[in-house]
Amino acid sequence: MYVCNCFGVTEAQIQRHADDGACTPRQVASACKAGTDCGSCVRRIQAILGRGECSRREPAYQGGQVVSGLEEAEALDEAA
């Protein structure tokens, strides 16, 4: 079944891109242009991707130091 009529992209093609690591409609669009013309298929692409279930996502913060040198920056501000 076609998901993107503008570019003739099927549900199987979208699923293949998801299996290859695409996690967002934008990543699918980069691979096959689906969703870049009229945009009516973007919600269907999101549903196929299983929005929020990408196995490759990692949390942005993993317990490390986010800002290094903060004490030095504060000291410079106080000196000025």
PDB file of N, CA and C in Angstrom:
ATOM      1  N   MET A   1       0.838  -1.176   0.000  1.00  0.00           N
ATOM      2  CA  MET A   1       0.000   0.000   0.000  1.00  0.00           C
ATOM      3  C   MET A   1       0.889   1.248   0.000  1.00  0.00           C
ATOM      4  N   TYR A   2       0.495   2.239  -0.782  1.00  0.00           N
ATOM      5  CA  TYR A   2       1.261   3.481  -0.854  1.00  0.00           C
ATOM      6  C   TYR A   2       1.021   4.334   0.389  1.00  0.00           C
ATOM      7  N   VAL A   3       2.108   4.870   0.927  1.00  0.00           N
ATOM      8  CA  VAL A   3       2.038   5.807   2.041  1.00  0.00           C
ATOM      9  C   VAL A   3       2.170   7.213   1.480  1.00  0.00           C
ATOM     10  N   CYS A   4       3.141   7.414   0.597  1.00  0.00           N
ATOM     11  CA  CYS A   4       3.377   8.711  -0.032  1.00  0.00           C
ATOM     12  C   CYS A   4       3.031   8.603  -1.512  1.00  0.00           C
ATOM     13  N   ASN A   5       1.888   9.170  -1.874  1.00  0.00           N
ATOM     14  CA  ASN A   5       1.461   9.135  -3.268  1.00  0.00           C
ATOM     15  C   ASN A   5       2.296  10.057  -4.147  1.00  0.00           C
ATOM     16  N   CYS A   6       2.819  11.128  -3.580  1.00  0.00           N
ATOM     17  CA  CYS A   6       3.600  12.086  -4.365  1.00  0.00           C
ATOM     18  C   CYS A   6       4.853  11.439  -4.953  1.00  0.00           C
ATOM     19  N   PHE A   7       5.504  10.567  -4.187  1.00  0.00           N
ATOM     20  CA  PHE A   7       6.744   9.952  -4.643  1.00  0.00           C
ATOM     21  C   PHE A   7       6.641   8.441  -4.786  1.00  0.00           C
ATOM     22  N   GLY A   8       5.451   7.883  -4.632  1.00  0.00           N
ATOM     23  CA  GLY A   8       5.234   6.458  -4.828  1.00  0.00           C
ATOM     24  C   GLY A   8       5.972   5.573  -3.826  1.00  0.00           C
ATOM     25  N   VAL A   9       6.000   6.002  -2.561  1.00  0.00           N
ATOM     26  CA  VAL A   9       6.704   5.249  -1.527  1.00  0.00           C
ATOM     27  C   VAL A   9       5.696   4.378  -0.786  1.00  0.00           C
ATOM     28  N   THR A  10       6.037   3.104  -0.660  1.00  0.00           N
ATOM     29  CA  THR A  10       5.130   2.151  -0.026  1.00  0.00           C
ATOM     30  C   THR A  10       5.406   1.995   1.461  1.00  0.00           C
ATOM     31  N   GLU A  11       4.454   1.373   2.138  1.00  0.00           N
ATOM     32  CA  GLU A  11       4.605   1.093   3.563  1.00  0.00           C
ATOM     33  C   GLU A  11       5.819   0.187   3.797  1.00  0.00           C
ATOM     34  N   ALA A  12       6.033  -0.775   2.912  1.00  0.00           N
ATOM     35  CA  ALA A  12       7.186  -1.674   3.043  1.00  0.00           C
ATOM     36  C   ALA A  12       8.502  -0.916   2.928  1.00  0.00           C
ATOM     37  N   GLN A  13       8.559   0.087   2.055  1.00  0.00           N
ATOM     38  CA  GLN A  13       9.770   0.893   1.918  1.00  0.00           C
ATOM     39  C   GLN A  13      10.030   1.707   3.178  1.00  0.00           C
ATOM     40  N   ILE A  14       8.975   2.278   3.753  1.00  0.00           N
ATOM     41  CA  ILE A  14       9.118   3.043   4.996  1.00  0.00           C
ATOM     42  C   ILE A  14       9.618   2.116   6.099  1.00  0.00           C
ATOM     43  N   GLN A  15       9.043   0.922   6.183  1.00  0.00           N
ATOM     44  CA  GLN A  15       9.455  -0.037   7.206  1.00  0.00           C
ATOM     45  C   GLN A  15      10.909  -0.446   7.022  1.00  0.00           C
ATOM     46  N   ARG A  16      11.340  -0.590   5.778  1.00  0.00           N
ATOM     47  CA  ARG A  16      12.742  -0.931   5.502  1.00  0.00           C
ATOM     48  C   ARG A  16      13.681   0.178   5.981  1.00  0.00           C
ATOM     49  N   HIS A  17      13.295   1.425   5.756  1.00  0.00           N
ATOM     50  CA  HIS A  17      14.111   2.549   6.233  1.00  0.00           C
ATOM     51  C   HIS A  17      14.143   2.561   7.762  1.00  0.00           C
ATOM     52  N   ALA A  18      13.013   2.246   8.391  1.00  0.00           N
ATOM     53  CA  ALA A  18      12.968   2.169   9.854  1.00  0.00           C
ATOM     54  C   ALA A  18      13.880   1.053  10.349  1.00  0.00           C
ATOM     55  N   ASP A  19      13.855  -0.080   9.673  1.00  0.00           N
ATOM     56  CA  ASP A  19      14.730  -1.202  10.048  1.00  0.00           C
ATOM     57  C   ASP A  19      16.199  -0.854   9.868  1.00  0.00           C
ATOM     58  N   ASP A  20      16.468   0.036   8.923  1.00  0.00           N
ATOM     59  CA  ASP A  20      17.849   0.477   8.671  1.00  0.00           C
ATOM     60  C   ASP A  20      18.281   1.596   9.617  1.00  0.00           C
ATOM     61  N   GLY A  21      17.375   2.044  10.509  1.00  0.00           N
ATOM     62  CA  GLY A  21      17.764   3.017  11.517  1.00  0.00           C
ATOM     63  C   GLY A  21      17.057   4.347  11.481  1.00  0.00           C
ATOM     64  N   ALA A  22      16.158   4.579  10.528  1.00  0.00           N
ATOM     65  CA  ALA A  22      15.422   5.846  10.504  1.00  0.00           C
ATOM     66  C   ALA A  22      14.475   5.898  11.695  1.00  0.00           C
ATOM     67  N   CYS A  23      14.539   6.972  12.455  1.00  0.00           N
ATOM     68  CA  CYS A  23      13.715   7.117  13.660  1.00  0.00           C
ATOM     69  C   CYS A  23      12.688   8.230  13.537  1.00  0.00           C
ATOM     70  N   THR A  24      12.840   9.090  12.544  1.00  0.00           N
ATOM     71  CA  THR A  24      11.947  10.235  12.401  1.00  0.00           C
ATOM     72  C   THR A  24      11.504  10.366  10.949  1.00  0.00           C
ATOM     73  N   PRO A  25      10.372  11.045  10.725  1.00  0.00           N
ATOM     74  CA  PRO A  25       9.948  11.297   9.344  1.00  0.00           C
ATOM     75  C   PRO A  25      11.011  12.046   8.542  1.00  0.00           C
ATOM     76  N   ARG A  26      11.771  12.902   9.189  1.00  0.00           N
ATOM     77  CA  ARG A  26      12.820  13.649   8.485  1.00  0.00           C
ATOM     78  C   ARG A  26      13.907  12.701   7.964  1.00  0.00           C
ATOM     79  N   GLN A  27      14.252  11.693   8.760  1.00  0.00           N
ATOM     80  CA  GLN A  27      15.255  10.722   8.323  1.00  0.00           C
ATOM     81  C   GLN A  27      14.722   9.873   7.170  1.00  0.00           C
ATOM     82  N   VAL A  28      13.439   9.547   7.220  1.00  0.00           N
ATOM     83  CA  VAL A  28      12.816   8.826   6.107  1.00  0.00           C
ATOM     84  C   VAL A  28      12.835   9.703   4.863  1.00  0.00           C
ATOM     85  N   ALA A  29      12.517  10.976   5.028  1.00  0.00           N
ATOM     86  CA  ALA A  29      12.517  11.907   3.897  1.00  0.00           C
ATOM     87  C   ALA A  29      13.896  12.007   3.258  1.00  0.00           C
ATOM     88  N   SER A  30      14.933  11.972   4.077  1.00  0.00           N
ATOM     89  CA  SER A  30      16.295  12.025   3.539  1.00  0.00           C
ATOM     90  C   SER A  30      16.604  10.799   2.692  1.00  0.00           C
ATOM     91  N   ALA A  31      15.984   9.688   3.042  1.00  0.00           N
ATOM     92  CA  ALA A  31      16.257   8.445   2.335  1.00  0.00           C
ATOM     93  C   ALA A  31      15.432   8.288   1.059  1.00  0.00           C
ATOM     94  N   CYS A  32      14.179   8.781   1.074  1.00  0.00           N
ATOM     95  CA  CYS A  32      13.318   8.493  -0.085  1.00  0.00           C
ATOM     96  C   CYS A  32      12.386   9.630  -0.484  1.00  0.00           C
ATOM     97  N   LYS A  33      12.492  10.794   0.119  1.00  0.00           N
ATOM     98  CA  LYS A  33      11.680  11.977  -0.172  1.00  0.00           C
ATOM     99  C   LYS A  33      10.244  11.909   0.336  1.00  0.00           C
ATOM    100  N   ALA A  34       9.828  10.788   0.918  1.00  0.00           N
ATOM    101  CA  ALA A  34       8.454  10.676   1.412  1.00  0.00           C
ATOM    102  C   ALA A  34       8.194  11.768   2.438  1.00  0.00           C
ATOM    103  N   GLY A  35       7.068  12.461   2.286  1.00  0.00           N
ATOM    104  CA  GLY A  35       6.676  13.503   3.230  1.00  0.00           C
ATOM    105  C   GLY A  35       7.197  14.882   2.917  1.00  0.00           C
ATOM    106  N   THR A  36       7.925  15.031   1.805  1.00  0.00           N
ATOM    107  CA  THR A  36       8.526  16.332   1.514  1.00  0.00           C
ATOM    108  C   THR A  36       7.740  17.176   0.520  1.00  0.00           C
ATOM    109  N   ASP A  37       6.685  16.630  -0.066  1.00  0.00           N
ATOM    110  CA  ASP A  37       5.922  17.428  -1.031  1.00  0.00           C
ATOM    111  C   ASP A  37       4.678  18.009  -0.367  1.00  0.00           C
ATOM    112  N   CYS A  38       3.591  17.301  -0.355  1.00  0.00           N
ATOM    113  CA  CYS A  38       2.366  17.866   0.230  1.00  0.00           C
ATOM    114  C   CYS A  38       2.291  17.652   1.739  1.00  0.00           C
ATOM    115  N   GLY A  39       3.001  16.659   2.265  1.00  0.00           N
ATOM    116  CA  GLY A  39       3.055  16.437   3.706  1.00  0.00           C
ATOM    117  C   GLY A  39       1.902  15.646   4.291  1.00  0.00           C
ATOM    118  N   SER A  40       0.956  15.216   3.468  1.00  0.00           N
ATOM    119  CA  SER A  40      -0.203  14.505   4.009  1.00  0.00           C
ATOM    120  C   SER A  40       0.137  13.121   4.549  1.00  0.00           C
ATOM    121  N   CYS A  41       1.302  12.594   4.221  1.00  0.00           N
ATOM    122  CA  CYS A  41       1.675  11.250   4.665  1.00  0.00           C
ATOM    123  C   CYS A  41       2.530  11.241   5.931  1.00  0.00           C
ATOM    124  N   VAL A  42       2.898  12.392   6.448  1.00  0.00           N
ATOM    125  CA  VAL A  42       3.833  12.450   7.577  1.00  0.00           C
ATOM    126  C   VAL A  42       3.277  11.738   8.807  1.00  0.00           C
ATOM    127  N   ARG A  43       2.004  11.901   9.091  1.00  0.00           N
ATOM    128  CA  ARG A  43       1.421  11.210  10.251  1.00  0.00           C
ATOM    129  C   ARG A  43       1.446   9.704  10.078  1.00  0.00           C
ATOM    130  N   ARG A  44       1.212   9.248   8.875  1.00  0.00           N
ATOM    131  CA  ARG A  44       1.268   7.798   8.606  1.00  0.00           C
ATOM    132  C   ARG A  44       2.697   7.295   8.764  1.00  0.00           C
ATOM    133  N   ILE A  45       3.667   8.072   8.322  1.00  0.00           N
ATOM    134  CA  ILE A  45       5.078   7.703   8.482  1.00  0.00           C
ATOM    135  C   ILE A  45       5.420   7.619   9.966  1.00  0.00           C
ATOM    136  N   GLN A  46       4.951   8.582  10.750  1.00  0.00           N
ATOM    137  CA  GLN A  46       5.185   8.556  12.196  1.00  0.00           C
ATOM    138  C   GLN A  46       4.606   7.291  12.815  1.00  0.00           C
ATOM    139  N   ALA A  47       3.423   6.909  12.375  1.00  0.00           N
ATOM    140  CA  ALA A  47       2.780   5.704  12.908  1.00  0.00           C
ATOM    141  C   ALA A  47       3.584   4.453  12.551  1.00  0.00           C
ATOM    142  N   ILE A  48       4.094   4.400  11.349  1.00  0.00           N
ATOM    143  CA  ILE A  48       4.893   3.240  10.937  1.00  0.00           C
ATOM    144  C   ILE A  48       6.189   3.178  11.737  1.00  0.00           C
ATOM    145  N   LEU A  49       6.780   4.325  11.975  1.00  0.00           N
ATOM    146  CA  LEU A  49       8.028   4.363  12.730  1.00  0.00           C
ATOM    147  C   LEU A  49       7.809   4.034  14.205  1.00  0.00           C
ATOM    148  N   GLY A  50       6.582   4.101  14.675  1.00  0.00           N
ATOM    149  CA  GLY A  50       6.303   3.857  16.080  1.00  0.00           C
ATOM    150  C   GLY A  50       6.874   4.958  16.934  1.00  0.00           C
ATOM    151  N   ARG A  51       6.453   6.149  16.646  1.00  0.00           N
ATOM    152  CA  ARG A  51       6.966   7.372  17.267  1.00  0.00           C
ATOM    153  C   ARG A  51       7.380   7.164  18.720  1.00  0.00           C
ATOM    154  N   GLY A  52       8.645   7.483  19.008  1.00  0.00           N
ATOM    155  CA  GLY A  52       9.172   7.388  20.350  1.00  0.00           C
ATOM    156  C   GLY A  52       9.743   6.030  20.708  1.00  0.00           C
ATOM    157  N   GLU A  53       9.759   5.097  19.762  1.00  0.00           N
ATOM    158  CA  GLU A  53      10.232   3.758  20.072  1.00  0.00           C
ATOM    159  C   GLU A  53      11.545   3.421  19.383  1.00  0.00           C
ATOM    160  N   CYS A  54      12.269   4.404  18.947  1.00  0.00           N
ATOM    161  CA  CYS A  54      13.514   4.146  18.236  1.00  0.00           C
ATOM    162  C   CYS A  54      14.543   3.541  19.185  1.00  0.00           C
ATOM    163  N   SER A  55      15.071   2.405  18.823  1.00  0.00           N
ATOM    164  CA  SER A  55      16.020   1.707  19.694  1.00  0.00           C
ATOM    165  C   SER A  55      17.388   2.364  19.716  1.00  0.00           C
ATOM    166  N   ARG A  56      17.668   3.244  18.771  1.00  0.00           N
ATOM    167  CA  ARG A  56      18.988   3.874  18.701  1.00  0.00           C
ATOM    168  C   ARG A  56      19.078   5.155  19.515  1.00  0.00           C
ATOM    169  N   ARG A  57      17.985   5.615  20.059  1.00  0.00           N
ATOM    170  CA  ARG A  57      18.008   6.851  20.833  1.00  0.00           C
ATOM    171  C   ARG A  57      18.689   6.621  22.167  1.00  0.00           C
ATOM    172  N   GLU A  58      19.460   7.606  22.577  1.00  0.00           N
ATOM    173  CA  GLU A  58      20.102   7.587  23.873  1.00  0.00           C
ATOM    174  C   GLU A  58      19.762   8.876  24.584  1.00  0.00           C
ATOM    175  N   PRO A  59      19.649   8.838  25.906  1.00  0.00           N
ATOM    176  CA  PRO A  59      19.360  10.073  26.625  1.00  0.00           C
ATOM    177  C   PRO A  59      20.469  11.095  26.413  1.00  0.00           C
ATOM    178  N   ALA A  60      20.085  12.354  26.321  1.00  0.00           N
ATOM    179  CA  ALA A  60      21.076  13.405  26.101  1.00  0.00           C
ATOM    180  C   ALA A  60      21.998  13.547  27.300  1.00  0.00           C
ATOM    181  N   TYR A  61      21.482  13.407  28.495  1.00  0.00           N
ATOM    182  CA  TYR A  61      22.284  13.554  29.707  1.00  0.00           C
ATOM    183  C   TYR A  61      22.513  12.177  30.316  1.00  0.00           C
ATOM    184  N   GLN A  62      23.774  11.809  30.514  1.00  0.00           N
ATOM    185  CA  GLN A  62      24.074  10.495  31.050  1.00  0.00           C
ATOM    186  C   GLN A  62      24.871  10.578  32.343  1.00  0.00           C
ATOM    187  N   GLY A  63      24.679  11.641  33.099  1.00  0.00           N
ATOM    188  CA  GLY A  63      25.279  11.747  34.410  1.00  0.00           C
ATOM    189  C   GLY A  63      26.655  12.374  34.449  1.00  0.00           C
ATOM    190  N   GLY A  64      27.177  12.760  33.321  1.00  0.00           N
ATOM    191  CA  GLY A  64      28.495  13.391  33.290  1.00  0.00           C
ATOM    192  C   GLY A  64      28.393  14.882  33.524  1.00  0.00           C
ATOM    193  N   GLN A  65      29.534  15.535  33.487  1.00  0.00           N
ATOM    194  CA  GLN A  65      29.566  16.980  33.672  1.00  0.00           C
ATOM    195  C   GLN A  65      29.066  17.654  32.408  1.00  0.00           C
ATOM    196  N   VAL A  66      28.026  18.433  32.523  1.00  0.00           N
ATOM    197  CA  VAL A  66      27.414  19.074  31.366  1.00  0.00           C
ATOM    198  C   VAL A  66      28.205  20.283  30.928  1.00  0.00           C
ATOM    199  N   VAL A  67      28.582  21.137  31.854  1.00  0.00           N
ATOM    200  CA  VAL A  67      29.338  22.340  31.535  1.00  0.00           C
ATOM    201  C   VAL A  67      30.682  22.249  32.241  1.00  0.00           C
ATOM    202  N   SER A  68      31.741  22.217  31.469  1.00  0.00           N
ATOM    203  CA  SER A  68      33.061  22.181  32.090  1.00  0.00           C
ATOM    204  C   SER A  68      33.584  23.598  32.226  1.00  0.00           C
ATOM    205  N   GLY A  69      34.333  23.824  33.269  1.00  0.00           N
ATOM    206  CA  GLY A  69      34.925  25.133  33.462  1.00  0.00           C
ATOM    207  C   GLY A  69      33.962  26.174  33.988  1.00  0.00           C
ATOM    208  N   LEU A  70      32.855  25.755  34.577  1.00  0.00           N
ATOM    209  CA  LEU A  70      31.875  26.711  35.066  1.00  0.00           C
ATOM    210  C   LEU A  70      32.464  27.584  36.177  1.00  0.00           C
ATOM    211  N   GLU A  71      33.254  26.966  37.053  1.00  0.00           N
ATOM    212  CA  GLU A  71      33.855  27.740  38.135  1.00  0.00           C
ATOM    213  C   GLU A  71      34.788  28.818  37.590  1.00  0.00           C
ATOM    214  N   GLU A  72      35.550  28.478  36.539  1.00  0.00           N
ATOM    215  CA  GLU A  72      36.450  29.458  35.937  1.00  0.00           C
ATOM    216  C   GLU A  72      35.664  30.609  35.307  1.00  0.00           C
ATOM    217  N   ALA A  73      34.548  30.292  34.667  1.00  0.00           N
ATOM    218  CA  ALA A  73      33.722  31.320  34.039  1.00  0.00           C
ATOM    219  C   ALA A  73      33.139  32.253  35.090  1.00  0.00           C
ATOM    220  N   GLU A  74      32.697  31.688  36.204  1.00  0.00           N
ATOM    221  CA  GLU A  74      32.139  32.518  37.265  1.00  0.00           C
ATOM    222  C   GLU A  74      33.232  33.415  37.862  1.00  0.00           C
ATOM    223  N   ALA A  75      34.448  32.869  38.008  1.00  0.00           N
ATOM    224  CA  ALA A  75      35.552  33.663  38.537  1.00  0.00           C
ATOM    225  C   ALA A  75      35.875  34.830  37.605  1.00  0.00           C
ATOM    226  N   LEU A  76      35.833  34.599  36.308  1.00  0.00           N
ATOM    227  CA  LEU A  76      36.091  35.665  35.336  1.00  0.00           C
ATOM    228  C   LEU A  76      35.021  36.755  35.426  1.00  0.00           C
ATOM    229  N   ASP A  77      33.762  36.346  35.611  1.00  0.00           N
ATOM    230  CA  ASP A  77      32.676  37.315  35.749  1.00  0.00           C
ATOM    231  C   ASP A  77      32.852  38.163  36.992  1.00  0.00           C
ATOM    232  N   GLU A  78      33.287  37.520  38.082  1.00  0.00           N
ATOM    233  CA  GLU A  78      33.476  38.258  39.329  1.00  0.00           C
ATOM    234  C   GLU A  78      34.649  39.219  39.234  1.00  0.00           C
ATOM    235  N   ALA A  79      35.689  38.852  38.480  1.00  0.00           N
ATOM    236  CA  ALA A  79      36.875  39.689  38.327  1.00  0.00           C
ATOM    237  C   ALA A  79      36.590  40.914  37.468  1.00  0.00           C
ATOM    238  N   ALA A  80      35.610  40.804  36.596  1.00  0.00           N
ATOM    239  CA  ALA A  80      35.333  41.906  35.666  1.00  0.00           C
ATOM    240  C   ALA A  80      34.566  43.020  36.256  1.00  0.00           C
TER     241      ALA A  80
END
